[in-house]
Amino acid sequence: MRESPSIDEMFYGTVTVGERGQIVIPAEARAEYEISPGEKLLIFGHPSRVGVIMVKMSGVSEFIEMMKGALALAESVVSEQDSSEESS
């Protein structure tokens, strides 16, 4: 399992939303995440409305599988906690 990057490794600067609602993704981020001109990105709103998340359309399946794994782990932990509470 690879180690998660630190926040300073994931921060690429700031962007300004233009009059037409457009932003420019910093060049370093485009290079790091291999985002090319014409690439389709999906935009998801954060549940608490504090921002958005962009995911390359070509990587959505991998993203979903990762989230399924995280959900399965969370369900397992909750199940174990419930079992230990019932046996107490």
Foldseek 3Di string as FASTA:
>chain_A
DDDDDDPVVVDDDDWDQDPVRDTDDDPVVCVVVVPDPPFDWDWAADPVRPGIDIDGPVCVVVVVVVVVVVVVVVVVVVVVVVVVVVVD
